[in-house]
């Protein structure tokens, strides 16, 4: 199945309000018409594995790419990441 966007998680650190991005990864999702379902279980599992390699990295935000208007889904992404993680920044 082909998606019109890529959605992912950004990792790094936050020090004194300065965000440093060090890595990131793509998160699987499903799209049906105007709805997007992000696989947050996959996201959690990959984050746990990443913590083994880089224990000081935290989730600092998320990213999305799209040919269309990404603002349509902005609040949904922000809400999903805000509920789960401490630093729900978006870039």
N, C-alpha and C. Protein backbone atom coordinates (compact mmCIF):
# COMPACT_ATOMS: atom_id res chain seq x y z
N UNK A 1 0.84 -1.18 0.00
CA UNK A 1 0.00 0.00 0.00
C UNK A 1 0.89 1.25 0.00
N UNK A 2 0.58 2.18 -0.82
CA UNK A 2 1.35 3.41 -0.93
C UNK A 2 0.71 4.51 -0.09
N UNK A 3 1.53 5.19 0.69
CA UNK A 3 1.05 6.30 1.51
C UNK A 3 1.47 7.61 0.89
N UNK A 4 0.72 8.64 1.19
CA UNK A 4 1.04 9.97 0.67
C UNK A 4 1.97 10.74 1.60
N UNK A 5 2.35 10.13 2.71
CA UNK A 5 3.22 10.81 3.67
C UNK A 5 4.11 9.80 4.40
N UNK A 6 5.15 10.33 5.03
CA UNK A 6 5.98 9.57 5.95
C UNK A 6 5.82 10.23 7.30
N UNK A 7 5.66 9.43 8.34
CA UNK A 7 5.53 9.93 9.70
C UNK A 7 6.63 9.29 10.51
N UNK A 8 7.26 10.06 11.40
CA UNK A 8 8.34 9.50 12.18
C UNK A 8 8.57 10.20 13.50
N UNK A 9 9.49 9.65 14.27
CA UNK A 9 9.83 10.14 15.60
C UNK A 9 11.24 10.72 15.57
N UNK A 10 11.41 11.86 16.25
CA UNK A 10 12.71 12.53 16.35
C UNK A 10 13.29 12.29 17.74
N UNK A 11 14.58 11.94 17.79
CA UNK A 11 15.26 11.68 19.05
C UNK A 11 16.39 12.67 19.24
N UNK A 12 16.71 12.93 20.49
CA UNK A 12 17.80 13.85 20.79
C UNK A 12 17.81 14.19 22.26
N UNK A 13 18.14 15.47 22.55
CA UNK A 13 18.20 15.92 23.93
C UNK A 13 17.65 17.34 24.03
N UNK A 14 17.27 17.71 25.24
CA UNK A 14 16.80 19.07 25.52
C UNK A 14 17.60 19.58 26.70
N UNK A 15 18.27 20.71 26.51
CA UNK A 15 19.08 21.29 27.58
C UNK A 15 18.85 22.79 27.61
N UNK A 16 18.25 23.28 28.67
CA UNK A 16 18.01 24.71 28.80
C UNK A 16 17.13 25.28 27.70
N UNK A 17 16.19 24.50 27.21
CA UNK A 17 15.31 24.95 26.15
C UNK A 17 15.88 24.80 24.75
N UNK A 18 17.09 24.27 24.65
CA UNK A 18 17.72 24.04 23.34
C UNK A 18 17.55 22.56 22.98
N UNK A 19 16.94 22.31 21.85
CA UNK A 19 16.71 20.95 21.38
C UNK A 19 17.82 20.57 20.41
N UNK A 20 18.46 19.43 20.66
CA UNK A 20 19.47 18.90 19.76
C UNK A 20 18.95 17.59 19.18
N UNK A 21 18.78 17.54 17.87
CA UNK A 21 18.33 16.32 17.21
C UNK A 21 19.54 15.46 16.89
N UNK A 22 19.44 14.17 17.21
CA UNK A 22 20.54 13.25 16.93
C UNK A 22 20.14 12.12 16.00
N UNK A 23 18.87 11.75 15.99
CA UNK A 23 18.42 10.69 15.10
C UNK A 23 16.90 10.69 15.01
N UNK A 24 16.41 9.77 14.23
CA UNK A 24 14.97 9.63 14.06
C UNK A 24 14.66 8.36 13.32
N UNK A 25 13.41 8.00 13.28
CA UNK A 25 13.01 6.80 12.55
C UNK A 25 11.57 6.94 12.08
N UNK A 26 11.27 6.21 11.03
CA UNK A 26 9.94 6.19 10.42
C UNK A 26 9.03 5.30 11.26
N UNK A 27 7.77 5.71 11.41
CA UNK A 27 6.79 4.93 12.16
C UNK A 27 5.69 4.48 11.18
N UNK A 28 5.40 3.18 11.14
CA UNK A 28 4.35 2.69 10.25
C UNK A 28 2.99 3.29 10.61
N UNK A 29 2.18 3.48 9.60
CA UNK A 29 0.84 4.01 9.81
C UNK A 29 -0.07 3.55 8.69
N UNK A 30 -1.36 3.70 8.92
CA UNK A 30 -2.35 3.38 7.91
C UNK A 30 -3.16 4.63 7.61
N UNK A 31 -3.49 4.79 6.35
CA UNK A 31 -4.30 5.93 5.92
C UNK A 31 -5.56 5.43 5.23
N UNK A 32 -6.68 5.96 5.66
CA UNK A 32 -7.95 5.67 5.01
C UNK A 32 -8.68 7.00 4.88
N UNK A 33 -8.82 7.46 3.65
CA UNK A 33 -9.44 8.75 3.35
C UNK A 33 -8.80 9.84 4.19
N UNK A 34 -9.55 10.47 5.10
CA UNK A 34 -9.02 11.57 5.89
C UNK A 34 -8.55 11.15 7.28
N UNK A 35 -8.33 9.85 7.49
CA UNK A 35 -7.90 9.36 8.79
C UNK A 35 -6.53 8.72 8.68
N UNK A 36 -5.72 8.94 9.73
CA UNK A 36 -4.39 8.36 9.81
C UNK A 36 -4.27 7.65 11.15
N UNK A 37 -3.85 6.38 11.14
CA UNK A 37 -3.65 5.62 12.37
C UNK A 37 -2.16 5.30 12.48
N UNK A 38 -1.52 5.88 13.48
CA UNK A 38 -0.09 5.68 13.71
C UNK A 38 0.11 4.47 14.61
N UNK A 39 1.06 3.61 14.28
CA UNK A 39 1.34 2.41 15.06
C UNK A 39 2.21 2.80 16.26
N UNK A 40 1.56 3.24 17.34
CA UNK A 40 2.29 3.70 18.52
C UNK A 40 2.98 2.55 19.27
N UNK A 41 2.47 1.33 19.14
CA UNK A 41 3.14 0.19 19.76
C UNK A 41 4.51 -0.04 19.11
N UNK A 42 4.55 0.03 17.78
CA UNK A 42 5.82 -0.08 17.06
C UNK A 42 6.76 1.03 17.52
N UNK A 43 6.22 2.25 17.63
CA UNK A 43 7.02 3.39 18.06
C UNK A 43 7.64 3.15 19.42
N UNK A 44 6.86 2.66 20.37
CA UNK A 44 7.37 2.37 21.72
C UNK A 44 8.46 1.31 21.69
N UNK A 45 8.23 0.24 20.93
CA UNK A 45 9.21 -0.85 20.86
C UNK A 45 10.53 -0.38 20.25
N UNK A 46 10.45 0.39 19.17
CA UNK A 46 11.67 0.88 18.54
C UNK A 46 12.39 1.88 19.45
N UNK A 47 11.64 2.69 20.16
CA UNK A 47 12.25 3.63 21.10
C UNK A 47 12.99 2.88 22.21
N UNK A 48 12.39 1.81 22.74
CA UNK A 48 13.08 1.00 23.77
C UNK A 48 14.39 0.42 23.24
N UNK A 49 14.36 -0.06 21.99
CA UNK A 49 15.60 -0.59 21.39
C UNK A 49 16.63 0.51 21.21
N UNK A 50 16.18 1.68 20.78
CA UNK A 50 17.09 2.82 20.58
C UNK A 50 17.74 3.23 21.91
N UNK A 51 17.00 3.14 23.01
CA UNK A 51 17.53 3.50 24.33
C UNK A 51 18.68 2.58 24.74
N UNK A 52 18.70 1.35 24.23
CA UNK A 52 19.81 0.45 24.53
C UNK A 52 21.11 0.94 23.89
N UNK A 53 20.99 1.54 22.71
CA UNK A 53 22.15 2.03 21.97
C UNK A 53 22.56 3.43 22.43
N UNK A 54 21.57 4.27 22.67
CA UNK A 54 21.82 5.66 23.06
C UNK A 54 20.92 6.00 24.25
N UNK A 55 21.33 5.60 25.46
CA UNK A 55 20.46 5.75 26.63
C UNK A 55 20.11 7.18 27.00
N UNK A 56 20.87 8.16 26.55
CA UNK A 56 20.59 9.56 26.89
C UNK A 56 19.62 10.23 25.93
N UNK A 57 19.29 9.58 24.82
CA UNK A 57 18.35 10.16 23.87
C UNK A 57 16.92 10.05 24.39
N UNK A 58 16.16 11.11 24.15
CA UNK A 58 14.73 11.11 24.47
C UNK A 58 13.96 11.47 23.21
N UNK A 59 12.68 11.21 23.23
CA UNK A 59 11.85 11.64 22.11
C UNK A 59 11.61 13.13 22.25
N UNK A 60 12.06 13.88 21.25
CA UNK A 60 11.91 15.33 21.29
C UNK A 60 10.84 15.83 20.33
N UNK A 61 10.29 14.92 19.52
CA UNK A 61 9.24 15.37 18.62
C UNK A 61 8.93 14.36 17.55
N UNK A 62 8.26 14.83 16.52
CA UNK A 62 7.84 14.00 15.41
C UNK A 62 8.01 14.78 14.12
N UNK A 63 7.97 14.04 13.01
CA UNK A 63 8.02 14.70 11.70
C UNK A 63 7.03 14.04 10.77
N UNK A 64 6.65 14.77 9.76
CA UNK A 64 5.79 14.23 8.72
C UNK A 64 6.14 14.90 7.40
N UNK A 65 5.99 14.16 6.34
CA UNK A 65 6.17 14.71 5.00
C UNK A 65 4.88 14.46 4.24
N UNK A 66 4.59 15.32 3.33
CA UNK A 66 3.37 15.15 2.57
C UNK A 66 3.37 16.10 1.39
N UNK A 67 2.73 15.68 0.32
CA UNK A 67 2.54 16.57 -0.82
C UNK A 67 1.42 17.57 -0.52
N UNK A 68 0.55 17.20 0.39
CA UNK A 68 -0.61 18.04 0.71
C UNK A 68 -0.35 18.92 1.93
N UNK A 69 -1.42 19.35 2.52
CA UNK A 69 -1.39 20.23 3.68
C UNK A 69 -1.17 19.42 4.95
N UNK A 70 0.00 19.51 5.56
CA UNK A 70 0.28 18.76 6.79
C UNK A 70 -0.43 19.36 7.99
N UNK A 71 -0.90 20.60 7.89
CA UNK A 71 -1.60 21.23 9.01
C UNK A 71 -2.90 20.49 9.34
N UNK A 72 -3.46 19.79 8.38
CA UNK A 72 -4.71 19.06 8.61
C UNK A 72 -4.54 18.05 9.74
N UNK A 73 -3.40 17.41 9.83
CA UNK A 73 -3.16 16.37 10.83
C UNK A 73 -2.29 16.84 11.98
N UNK A 74 -1.86 18.08 11.98
CA UNK A 74 -0.94 18.59 13.00
C UNK A 74 -1.44 18.32 14.42
N UNK A 75 -2.67 18.70 14.73
CA UNK A 75 -3.20 18.53 16.08
C UNK A 75 -3.27 17.07 16.49
N UNK A 76 -3.58 16.19 15.53
CA UNK A 76 -3.64 14.77 15.85
C UNK A 76 -2.25 14.24 16.23
N UNK A 77 -1.24 14.57 15.42
CA UNK A 77 0.13 14.12 15.72
C UNK A 77 0.57 14.67 17.07
N UNK A 78 0.35 15.96 17.27
CA UNK A 78 0.76 16.60 18.52
C UNK A 78 0.06 15.95 19.70
N UNK A 79 -1.20 15.66 19.57
CA UNK A 79 -1.96 15.03 20.64
C UNK A 79 -1.41 13.64 20.96
N UNK A 80 -1.17 12.82 19.94
CA UNK A 80 -0.65 11.47 20.16
C UNK A 80 0.70 11.49 20.87
N UNK A 81 1.59 12.36 20.41
CA UNK A 81 2.92 12.42 21.01
C UNK A 81 2.90 13.11 22.37
N UNK A 82 2.01 14.07 22.58
CA UNK A 82 1.92 14.76 23.86
C UNK A 82 1.43 13.85 24.97
N UNK A 83 0.49 12.98 24.64
CA UNK A 83 -0.04 12.05 25.63
C UNK A 83 1.03 11.08 26.10
N UNK A 84 1.90 10.68 25.19
CA UNK A 84 2.85 9.61 25.47
C UNK A 84 4.23 10.09 25.93
N UNK A 85 4.67 11.27 25.46
CA UNK A 85 6.05 11.66 25.67
C UNK A 85 6.19 13.04 26.32
N UNK A 86 7.32 13.26 26.96
CA UNK A 86 7.59 14.48 27.71
C UNK A 86 7.80 15.70 26.83
N UNK A 87 8.49 15.56 25.70
CA UNK A 87 8.85 16.70 24.84
C UNK A 87 8.14 16.60 23.50
N UNK A 88 6.89 17.00 23.42
CA UNK A 88 6.13 16.83 22.17
C UNK A 88 6.34 17.96 21.15
N UNK A 89 7.57 18.25 20.82
CA UNK A 89 7.84 19.28 19.83
C UNK A 89 7.58 18.72 18.44
N UNK A 90 7.28 19.57 17.50
CA UNK A 90 7.13 19.12 16.12
C UNK A 90 7.95 20.02 15.22
N UNK A 91 8.46 19.44 14.12
CA UNK A 91 9.34 20.19 13.22
C UNK A 91 8.92 19.98 11.79
